[in-house]
Amino acid sequence: MAAKKKHVPQRTCIVCRQVKDKKELVRVVRTPEQRVVVDPSGKAAGRGAYLCKTAQCWQNAFQRKALARALKTEISEEDMAALKEYAAGLKT
């Protein structure tokens, strides 16, 4: 009898719309306190949106305001600065 394959959760990047394994994407979450933060664990409470680990997807997300739309919230300047700092550390 063949071994059962483990289910791998799939998620879609909100910018490029590519479907990838959940662990290949970065989750950004709107917390219950209305903060918008990167969620490295992928398990934080709140509404989440997924982005590729590429600087291009992040830049497009900022330009198109895709994160604010997906998370259904306004992103504070403080949170946006932290997100842009995170994006600056990604490969192109």
PDB file of N, CA and C in Angstrom:
ATOM      1  N   MET A   1       0.845  -1.181   0.000  1.00  0.00           N
ATOM      2  CA  MET A   1       0.000   0.000   0.000  1.00  0.00           C
ATOM      3  C   MET A   1       0.891   1.245   0.000  1.00  0.00           C
ATOM      4  N   ALA A   2       0.611   2.186  -0.880  1.00  0.00           N
ATOM      5  CA  ALA A   2       1.434   3.399  -1.020  1.00  0.00           C
ATOM      6  C   ALA A   2       1.254   4.295   0.196  1.00  0.00           C
ATOM      7  N   ALA A   3       2.342   4.953   0.572  1.00  0.00           N
ATOM      8  CA  ALA A   3       2.285   5.881   1.695  1.00  0.00           C
ATOM      9  C   ALA A   3       1.446   7.093   1.307  1.00  0.00           C
ATOM     10  N   LYS A   4       0.620   7.532   2.233  1.00  0.00           N
ATOM     11  CA  LYS A   4      -0.237   8.685   1.960  1.00  0.00           C
ATOM     12  C   LYS A   4       0.605   9.963   1.974  1.00  0.00           C
ATOM     13  N   LYS A   5       0.447  10.788   0.930  1.00  0.00           N
ATOM     14  CA  LYS A   5       1.197  12.040   0.861  1.00  0.00           C
ATOM     15  C   LYS A   5       0.586  13.042   1.832  1.00  0.00           C
ATOM     16  N   LYS A   6       1.456  13.776   2.522  1.00  0.00           N
ATOM     17  CA  LYS A   6       0.996  14.797   3.450  1.00  0.00           C
ATOM     18  C   LYS A   6       0.435  15.983   2.669  1.00  0.00           C
ATOM     19  N   HIS A   7      -0.699  16.470   3.110  1.00  0.00           N
ATOM     20  CA  HIS A   7      -1.321  17.625   2.456  1.00  0.00           C
ATOM     21  C   HIS A   7      -0.470  18.867   2.691  1.00  0.00           C
ATOM     22  N   VAL A   8      -0.163  19.593   1.620  1.00  0.00           N
ATOM     23  CA  VAL A   8       0.602  20.840   1.722  1.00  0.00           C
ATOM     24  C   VAL A   8      -0.343  21.993   1.399  1.00  0.00           C
ATOM     25  N   PRO A   9      -0.579  22.879   2.386  1.00  0.00           N
ATOM     26  CA  PRO A   9      -1.503  23.990   2.134  1.00  0.00           C
ATOM     27  C   PRO A   9      -0.996  24.904   1.016  1.00  0.00           C
ATOM     28  N   GLN A  10      -1.915  25.357   0.175  1.00  0.00           N
ATOM     29  CA  GLN A  10      -1.585  26.250  -0.933  1.00  0.00           C
ATOM     30  C   GLN A  10      -2.180  27.615  -0.648  1.00  0.00           C
ATOM     31  N   ARG A  11      -1.456  28.664  -1.044  1.00  0.00           N
ATOM     32  CA  ARG A  11      -1.960  30.028  -0.905  1.00  0.00           C
ATOM     33  C   ARG A  11      -1.628  30.789  -2.185  1.00  0.00           C
ATOM     34  N   THR A  12      -2.331  31.899  -2.416  1.00  0.00           N
ATOM     35  CA  THR A  12      -2.146  32.705  -3.616  1.00  0.00           C
ATOM     36  C   THR A  12      -1.563  34.060  -3.243  1.00  0.00           C
ATOM     37  N   CYS A  13      -0.527  34.474  -3.949  1.00  0.00           N
ATOM     38  CA  CYS A  13       0.060  35.801  -3.765  1.00  0.00           C
ATOM     39  C   CYS A  13      -0.969  36.839  -4.204  1.00  0.00           C
ATOM     40  N   ILE A  14      -1.194  37.868  -3.380  1.00  0.00           N
ATOM     41  CA  ILE A  14      -2.220  38.867  -3.711  1.00  0.00           C
ATOM     42  C   ILE A  14      -1.802  39.793  -4.844  1.00  0.00           C
ATOM     43  N   VAL A  15      -0.529  39.757  -5.239  1.00  0.00           N
ATOM     44  CA  VAL A  15      -0.052  40.636  -6.307  1.00  0.00           C
ATOM     45  C   VAL A  15       0.023  39.892  -7.637  1.00  0.00           C
ATOM     46  N   CYS A  16       0.840  38.826  -7.701  1.00  0.00           N
ATOM     47  CA  CYS A  16       1.061  38.143  -8.980  1.00  0.00           C
ATOM     48  C   CYS A  16       0.074  36.992  -9.209  1.00  0.00           C
ATOM     49  N   ARG A  17      -0.718  36.663  -8.171  1.00  0.00           N
ATOM     50  CA  ARG A  17      -1.756  35.621  -8.247  1.00  0.00           C
ATOM     51  C   ARG A  17      -1.215  34.216  -8.457  1.00  0.00           C
ATOM     52  N   GLN A  18       0.079  33.996  -8.224  1.00  0.00           N
ATOM     53  CA  GLN A  18       0.630  32.653  -8.340  1.00  0.00           C
ATOM     54  C   GLN A  18       0.250  31.829  -7.111  1.00  0.00           C
ATOM     55  N   VAL A  19      -0.156  30.591  -7.329  1.00  0.00           N
ATOM     56  CA  VAL A  19      -0.474  29.679  -6.234  1.00  0.00           C
ATOM     57  C   VAL A  19       0.795  28.925  -5.884  1.00  0.00           C
ATOM     58  N   LYS A  20       1.171  28.986  -4.610  1.00  0.00           N
ATOM     59  CA  LYS A  20       2.389  28.321  -4.145  1.00  0.00           C
ATOM     60  C   LYS A  20       2.116  27.648  -2.809  1.00  0.00           C
ATOM     61  N   ASP A  21       3.077  26.814  -2.375  1.00  0.00           N
ATOM     62  CA  ASP A  21       2.976  26.244  -1.039  1.00  0.00           C
ATOM     63  C   ASP A  21       2.986  27.384  -0.027  1.00  0.00           C
ATOM     64  N   LYS A  22       2.221  27.237   1.038  1.00  0.00           N
ATOM     65  CA  LYS A  22       2.105  28.282   2.053  1.00  0.00           C
ATOM     66  C   LYS A  22       3.474  28.717   2.578  1.00  0.00           C
ATOM     67  N   LYS A  23       4.392  27.773   2.761  1.00  0.00           N
ATOM     68  CA  LYS A  23       5.696  28.110   3.338  1.00  0.00           C
ATOM     69  C   LYS A  23       6.597  28.883   2.365  1.00  0.00           C
ATOM     70  N   GLU A  24       6.229  28.940   1.093  1.00  0.00           N
ATOM     71  CA  GLU A  24       7.003  29.706   0.111  1.00  0.00           C
ATOM     72  C   GLU A  24       6.584  31.173   0.059  1.00  0.00           C
ATOM     73  N   LEU A  25       5.519  31.525   0.779  1.00  0.00           N
ATOM     74  CA  LEU A  25       5.003  32.891   0.768  1.00  0.00           C
ATOM     75  C   LEU A  25       5.172  33.528   2.147  1.00  0.00           C
ATOM     76  N   VAL A  26       5.054  34.843   2.191  1.00  0.00           N
ATOM     77  CA  VAL A  26       5.129  35.582   3.447  1.00  0.00           C
ATOM     78  C   VAL A  26       3.720  36.038   3.800  1.00  0.00           C
ATOM     79  N   ARG A  27       3.296  35.768   5.044  1.00  0.00           N
ATOM     80  CA  ARG A  27       1.963  36.195   5.478  1.00  0.00           C
ATOM     81  C   ARG A  27       2.074  37.552   6.163  1.00  0.00           C
ATOM     82  N   VAL A  28       1.198  38.444   5.757  1.00  0.00           N
ATOM     83  CA  VAL A  28       1.059  39.742   6.415  1.00  0.00           C
ATOM     84  C   VAL A  28      -0.313  39.715   7.060  1.00  0.00           C
ATOM     85  N   VAL A  29      -0.395  40.128   8.323  1.00  0.00           N
ATOM     86  CA  VAL A  29      -1.648  39.983   9.063  1.00  0.00           C
ATOM     87  C   VAL A  29      -2.105  41.318   9.646  1.00  0.00           C
ATOM     88  N   ARG A  30      -3.438  41.528   9.622  1.00  0.00           N
ATOM     89  CA  ARG A  30      -4.059  42.643  10.354  1.00  0.00           C
ATOM     90  C   ARG A  30      -4.467  42.072  11.694  1.00  0.00           C
ATOM     91  N   THR A  31      -3.809  42.528  12.738  1.00  0.00           N
ATOM     92  CA  THR A  31      -4.054  41.989  14.076  1.00  0.00           C
ATOM     93  C   THR A  31      -5.383  42.510  14.619  1.00  0.00           C
ATOM     94  N   PRO A  32      -5.884  41.865  15.677  1.00  0.00           N
ATOM     95  CA  PRO A  32      -7.119  42.382  16.306  1.00  0.00           C
ATOM     96  C   PRO A  32      -6.971  43.827  16.798  1.00  0.00           C
ATOM     97  N   GLU A  33      -5.724  44.267  17.034  1.00  0.00           N
ATOM     98  CA  GLU A  33      -5.471  45.656  17.469  1.00  0.00           C
ATOM     99  C   GLU A  33      -5.374  46.618  16.273  1.00  0.00           C
ATOM    100  N   GLN A  34      -5.668  46.125  15.066  1.00  0.00           N
ATOM    101  CA  GLN A  34      -5.631  46.916  13.825  1.00  0.00           C
ATOM    102  C   GLN A  34      -4.221  47.304  13.384  1.00  0.00           C
ATOM    103  N   ARG A  35      -3.212  46.587  13.849  1.00  0.00           N
ATOM    104  CA  ARG A  35      -1.846  46.779  13.361  1.00  0.00           C
ATOM    105  C   ARG A  35      -1.682  45.868  12.144  1.00  0.00           C
ATOM    106  N   VAL A  36      -0.764  46.223  11.245  1.00  0.00           N
ATOM    107  CA  VAL A  36      -0.462  45.384  10.086  1.00  0.00           C
ATOM    108  C   VAL A  36       1.009  44.991  10.198  1.00  0.00           C
ATOM    109  N   VAL A  37       1.250  43.680  10.362  1.00  0.00           N
ATOM    110  CA  VAL A  37       2.611  43.203  10.611  1.00  0.00           C
ATOM    111  C   VAL A  37       2.907  41.951   9.789  1.00  0.00           C
ATOM    112  N   VAL A  38       4.207  41.690   9.579  1.00  0.00           N
ATOM    113  CA  VAL A  38       4.637  40.446   8.947  1.00  0.00           C
ATOM    114  C   VAL A  38       4.471  39.339   9.978  1.00  0.00           C
ATOM    115  N   ASP A  39       3.940  38.210   9.549  1.00  0.00           N
ATOM    116  CA  ASP A  39       3.695  37.073  10.441  1.00  0.00           C
ATOM    117  C   ASP A  39       4.588  35.906  10.020  1.00  0.00           C
ATOM    118  N   PRO A  40       5.813  35.831  10.566  1.00  0.00           N
ATOM    119  CA  PRO A  40       6.732  34.768  10.140  1.00  0.00           C
ATOM    120  C   PRO A  40       6.231  33.357  10.480  1.00  0.00           C
ATOM    121  N   SER A  41       5.443  33.214  11.547  1.00  0.00           N
ATOM    122  CA  SER A  41       4.949  31.893  11.940  1.00  0.00           C
ATOM    123  C   SER A  41       3.797  31.435  11.048  1.00  0.00           C
ATOM    124  N   GLY A  42       3.080  32.394  10.456  1.00  0.00           N
ATOM    125  CA  GLY A  42       1.912  32.050   9.645  1.00  0.00           C
ATOM    126  C   GLY A  42       0.720  31.649  10.481  1.00  0.00           C
ATOM    127  N   LYS A  43       0.776  31.903  11.794  1.00  0.00           N
ATOM    128  CA  LYS A  43      -0.293  31.446  12.683  1.00  0.00           C
ATOM    129  C   LYS A  43      -0.885  32.551  13.546  1.00  0.00           C
ATOM    130  N   ALA A  44      -0.459  33.794  13.358  1.00  0.00           N
ATOM    131  CA  ALA A  44      -0.961  34.886  14.192  1.00  0.00           C
ATOM    132  C   ALA A  44      -2.447  35.097  13.957  1.00  0.00           C
ATOM    133  N   ALA A  45      -3.144  35.544  15.010  1.00  0.00           N
ATOM    134  CA  ALA A  45      -4.572  35.806  14.909  1.00  0.00           C
ATOM    135  C   ALA A  45      -4.805  37.044  14.062  1.00  0.00           C
ATOM    136  N   GLY A  46      -5.833  37.007  13.242  1.00  0.00           N
ATOM    137  CA  GLY A  46      -6.191  38.167  12.438  1.00  0.00           C
ATOM    138  C   GLY A  46      -6.335  37.809  10.975  1.00  0.00           C
ATOM    139  N   ARG A  47      -6.736  38.797  10.189  1.00  0.00           N
ATOM    140  CA  ARG A  47      -6.935  38.608   8.751  1.00  0.00           C
ATOM    141  C   ARG A  47      -5.587  38.623   8.056  1.00  0.00           C
ATOM    142  N   GLY A  48      -5.324  37.633   7.240  1.00  0.00           N
ATOM    143  CA  GLY A  48      -4.026  37.519   6.589  1.00  0.00           C
ATOM    144  C   GLY A  48      -4.079  37.663   5.083  1.00  0.00           C
ATOM    145  N   ALA A  49      -2.933  38.036   4.526  1.00  0.00           N
ATOM    146  CA  ALA A  49      -2.749  38.108   3.076  1.00  0.00           C
ATOM    147  C   ALA A  49      -1.350  37.589   2.793  1.00  0.00           C
ATOM    148  N   TYR A  50      -1.158  36.977   1.634  1.00  0.00           N
ATOM    149  CA  TYR A  50       0.121  36.357   1.305  1.00  0.00           C
ATOM    150  C   TYR A  50       0.805  37.053   0.144  1.00  0.00           C
ATOM    151  N   LEU A  51       2.141  37.178   0.268  1.00  0.00           N
ATOM    152  CA  LEU A  51       2.965  37.773  -0.785  1.00  0.00           C
ATOM    153  C   LEU A  51       4.152  36.869  -1.058  1.00  0.00           C
ATOM    154  N   CYS A  52       4.620  36.876  -2.307  1.00  0.00           N
ATOM    155  CA  CYS A  52       5.840  36.143  -2.657  1.00  0.00           C
ATOM    156  C   CYS A  52       7.020  36.734  -1.891  1.00  0.00           C
ATOM    157  N   LYS A  53       8.091  35.981  -1.808  1.00  0.00           N
ATOM    158  CA  LYS A  53       9.296  36.463  -1.126  1.00  0.00           C
ATOM    159  C   LYS A  53      10.205  37.215  -2.091  1.00  0.00           C
ATOM    160  N   THR A  54       9.609  37.996  -2.992  1.00  0.00           N
ATOM    161  CA  THR A  54      10.404  38.772  -3.942  1.00  0.00           C
ATOM    162  C   THR A  54      10.140  40.259  -3.736  1.00  0.00           C
ATOM    163  N   ALA A  55      11.184  41.056  -3.899  1.00  0.00           N
ATOM    164  CA  ALA A  55      11.048  42.502  -3.738  1.00  0.00           C
ATOM    165  C   ALA A  55      10.048  43.057  -4.745  1.00  0.00           C
ATOM    166  N   GLN A  56       9.993  42.474  -5.949  1.00  0.00           N
ATOM    167  CA  GLN A  56       9.094  42.976  -7.002  1.00  0.00           C
ATOM    168  C   GLN A  56       7.627  42.895  -6.569  1.00  0.00           C
ATOM    169  N   CYS A  57       7.213  41.763  -6.014  1.00  0.00           N
ATOM    170  CA  CYS A  57       5.819  41.623  -5.569  1.00  0.00           C
ATOM    171  C   CYS A  57       5.512  42.619  -4.454  1.00  0.00           C
ATOM    172  N   TRP A  58       6.456  42.799  -3.538  1.00  0.00           N
ATOM    173  CA  TRP A  58       6.242  43.734  -2.434  1.00  0.00           C
ATOM    174  C   TRP A  58       6.128  45.169  -2.957  1.00  0.00           C
ATOM    175  N   GLN A  59       7.001  45.559  -3.892  1.00  0.00           N
ATOM    176  CA  GLN A  59       6.936  46.927  -4.444  1.00  0.00           C
ATOM    177  C   GLN A  59       5.598  47.144  -5.145  1.00  0.00           C
ATOM    178  N   ASN A  60       5.165  46.161  -5.913  1.00  0.00           N
ATOM    179  CA  ASN A  60       3.867  46.266  -6.596  1.00  0.00           C
ATOM    180  C   ASN A  60       2.723  46.361  -5.586  1.00  0.00           C
ATOM    181  N   ALA A  61       2.829  45.613  -4.495  1.00  0.00           N
ATOM    182  CA  ALA A  61       1.797  45.656  -3.452  1.00  0.00           C
ATOM    183  C   ALA A  61       1.694  47.056  -2.855  1.00  0.00           C
ATOM    184  N   PHE A  62       2.856  47.689  -2.614  1.00  0.00           N
ATOM    185  CA  PHE A  62       2.848  49.050  -2.058  1.00  0.00           C
ATOM    186  C   PHE A  62       2.262  50.039  -3.065  1.00  0.00           C
ATOM    187  N   GLN A  63       2.674  49.947  -4.321  1.00  0.00           N
ATOM    188  CA  GLN A  63       2.207  50.878  -5.353  1.00  0.00           C
ATOM    189  C   GLN A  63       0.703  50.763  -5.584  1.00  0.00           C
ATOM    190  N   ARG A  64       0.203  49.540  -5.603  1.00  0.00           N
ATOM    191  CA  ARG A  64      -1.217  49.309  -5.904  1.00  0.00           C
ATOM    192  C   ARG A  64      -2.111  49.343  -4.665  1.00  0.00           C
ATOM    193  N   LYS A  65      -1.492  49.522  -3.484  1.00  0.00           N
ATOM    194  CA  LYS A  65      -2.230  49.476  -2.211  1.00  0.00           C
ATOM    195  C   LYS A  65      -2.960  48.131  -2.050  1.00  0.00           C
ATOM    196  N   ALA A  66      -2.328  47.082  -2.555  1.00  0.00           N
ATOM    197  CA  ALA A  66      -2.944  45.754  -2.530  1.00  0.00           C
ATOM    198  C   ALA A  66      -3.080  45.204  -1.112  1.00  0.00           C
ATOM    199  N   LEU A  67      -2.112  45.510  -0.243  1.00  0.00           N
ATOM    200  CA  LEU A  67      -2.200  45.004   1.135  1.00  0.00           C
ATOM    201  C   LEU A  67      -3.376  45.622   1.881  1.00  0.00           C
ATOM    202  N   ALA A  68      -3.521  46.930   1.775  1.00  0.00           N
ATOM    203  CA  ALA A  68      -4.635  47.596   2.464  1.00  0.00           C
ATOM    204  C   ALA A  68      -5.968  47.041   1.978  1.00  0.00           C
ATOM    205  N   ARG A  69      -6.074  46.805   0.678  1.00  0.00           N
ATOM    206  CA  ARG A  69      -7.316  46.277   0.097  1.00  0.00           C
ATOM    207  C   ARG A  69      -7.570  44.849   0.578  1.00  0.00           C
ATOM    208  N   ALA A  70      -6.546  44.008   0.535  1.00  0.00           N
ATOM    209  CA  ALA A  70      -6.712  42.601   0.927  1.00  0.00           C
ATOM    210  C   ALA A  70      -7.026  42.464   2.417  1.00  0.00           C
ATOM    211  N   LEU A  71      -6.418  43.335   3.219  1.00  0.00           N
ATOM    212  CA  LEU A  71      -6.625  43.262   4.669  1.00  0.00           C
ATOM    213  C   LEU A  71      -7.805  44.112   5.131  1.00  0.00           C
ATOM    214  N   LYS A  72      -8.419  44.826   4.189  1.00  0.00           N
ATOM    215  CA  LYS A  72      -9.592  45.656   4.470  1.00  0.00           C
ATOM    216  C   LYS A  72      -9.332  46.632   5.614  1.00  0.00           C
ATOM    217  N   THR A  73      -8.219  47.374   5.504  1.00  0.00           N
ATOM    218  CA  THR A  73      -7.868  48.344   6.544  1.00  0.00           C
ATOM    219  C   THR A  73      -6.943  49.404   5.969  1.00  0.00           C
ATOM    220  N   GLU A  74      -6.832  50.520   6.677  1.00  0.00           N
ATOM    221  CA  GLU A  74      -5.824  51.525   6.364  1.00  0.00           C
ATOM    222  C   GLU A  74      -4.544  51.092   7.070  1.00  0.00           C
ATOM    223  N   ILE A  75      -3.401  51.241   6.410  1.00  0.00           N
ATOM    224  CA  ILE A  75      -2.135  50.865   7.024  1.00  0.00           C
ATOM    225  C   ILE A  75      -1.462  52.136   7.539  1.00  0.00           C
ATOM    226  N   SER A  76      -1.150  52.155   8.839  1.00  0.00           N
ATOM    227  CA  SER A  76      -0.538  53.347   9.439  1.00  0.00           C
ATOM    228  C   SER A  76       0.856  53.568   8.852  1.00  0.00           C
ATOM    229  N   GLU A  77       1.341  54.804   8.967  1.00  0.00           N
ATOM    230  CA  GLU A  77       2.673  55.115   8.448  1.00  0.00           C
ATOM    231  C   GLU A  77       3.731  54.275   9.158  1.00  0.00           C
ATOM    232  N   GLU A  78       3.549  54.082  10.449  1.00  0.00           N
ATOM    233  CA  GLU A  78       4.492  53.284  11.249  1.00  0.00           C
ATOM    234  C   GLU A  78       4.551  51.838  10.747  1.00  0.00           C
ATOM    235  N   ASP A  79       3.381  51.236  10.533  1.00  0.00           N
ATOM    236  CA  ASP A  79       3.329  49.855  10.041  1.00  0.00           C
ATOM    237  C   ASP A  79       3.872  49.767   8.615  1.00  0.00           C
ATOM    238  N   MET A  80       3.555  50.759   7.773  1.00  0.00           N
ATOM    239  CA  MET A  80       4.033  50.765   6.391  1.00  0.00           C
ATOM    240  C   MET A  80       5.559  50.858   6.366  1.00  0.00           C
ATOM    241  N   ALA A  81       6.133  51.666   7.250  1.00  0.00           N
ATOM    242  CA  ALA A  81       7.592  51.794   7.316  1.00  0.00           C
ATOM    243  C   ALA A  81       8.222  50.450   7.684  1.00  0.00           C
ATOM    244  N   ALA A  82       7.618  49.728   8.628  1.00  0.00           N
ATOM    245  CA  ALA A  82       8.137  48.417   9.037  1.00  0.00           C
ATOM    246  C   ALA A  82       8.021  47.409   7.887  1.00  0.00           C
ATOM    247  N   LEU A  83       6.922  47.457   7.132  1.00  0.00           N
ATOM    248  CA  LEU A  83       6.732  46.552   5.996  1.00  0.00           C
ATOM    249  C   LEU A  83       7.745  46.846   4.906  1.00  0.00           C
ATOM    250  N   LYS A  84       8.001  48.126   4.639  1.00  0.00           N
ATOM    251  CA  LYS A  84       8.961  48.501   3.610  1.00  0.00           C
ATOM    252  C   LYS A  84      10.384  48.103   4.021  1.00  0.00           C
ATOM    253  N   GLU A  85      10.670  48.194   5.319  1.00  0.00           N
ATOM    254  CA  GLU A  85      11.977  47.769   5.830  1.00  0.00           C
ATOM    255  C   GLU A  85      12.149  46.254   5.616  1.00  0.00           C
ATOM    256  N   TYR A  86      11.087  45.496   5.889  1.00  0.00           N
ATOM    257  CA  TYR A  86      11.133  44.051   5.659  1.00  0.00           C
ATOM    258  C   TYR A  86      11.354  43.752   4.174  1.00  0.00           C
ATOM    259  N   ALA A  87      10.618  44.466   3.319  1.00  0.00           N
ATOM    260  CA  ALA A  87      10.714  44.252   1.873  1.00  0.00           C
ATOM    261  C   ALA A  87      12.111  44.584   1.358  1.00  0.00           C
ATOM    262  N   ALA A  88      12.768  45.565   1.962  1.00  0.00           N
ATOM    263  CA  ALA A  88      14.109  45.978   1.531  1.00  0.00           C
ATOM    264  C   ALA A  88      15.125  44.838   1.716  1.00  0.00           C
ATOM    265  N   GLY A  89      14.837  43.937   2.639  1.00  0.00           N
ATOM    266  CA  GLY A  89      15.744  42.821   2.899  1.00  0.00           C
ATOM    267  C   GLY A  89      15.530  41.623   1.982  1.00  0.00           C
ATOM    268  N   LEU A  90      14.553  41.701   1.087  1.00  0.00           N
ATOM    269  CA  LEU A  90      14.254  40.582   0.191  1.00  0.00           C
ATOM    270  C   LEU A  90      15.078  40.669  -1.083  1.00  0.00           C
ATOM    271  N   LYS A  91      15.291  39.497  -1.716  1.00  0.00           N
ATOM    272  CA  LYS A  91      15.992  39.495  -2.998  1.00  0.00           C
ATOM    273  C   LYS A  91      15.062  39.976  -4.102  1.00  0.00           C
ATOM    274  N   THR A  92      15.631  40.474  -5.177  1.00  0.00           N
ATOM    275  CA  THR A  92      14.809  41.028  -6.249  1.00  0.00           C
ATOM    276  C   THR A  92      14.185  39.930  -7.081  1.00  0.00           C
TER     277      THR A  92
END
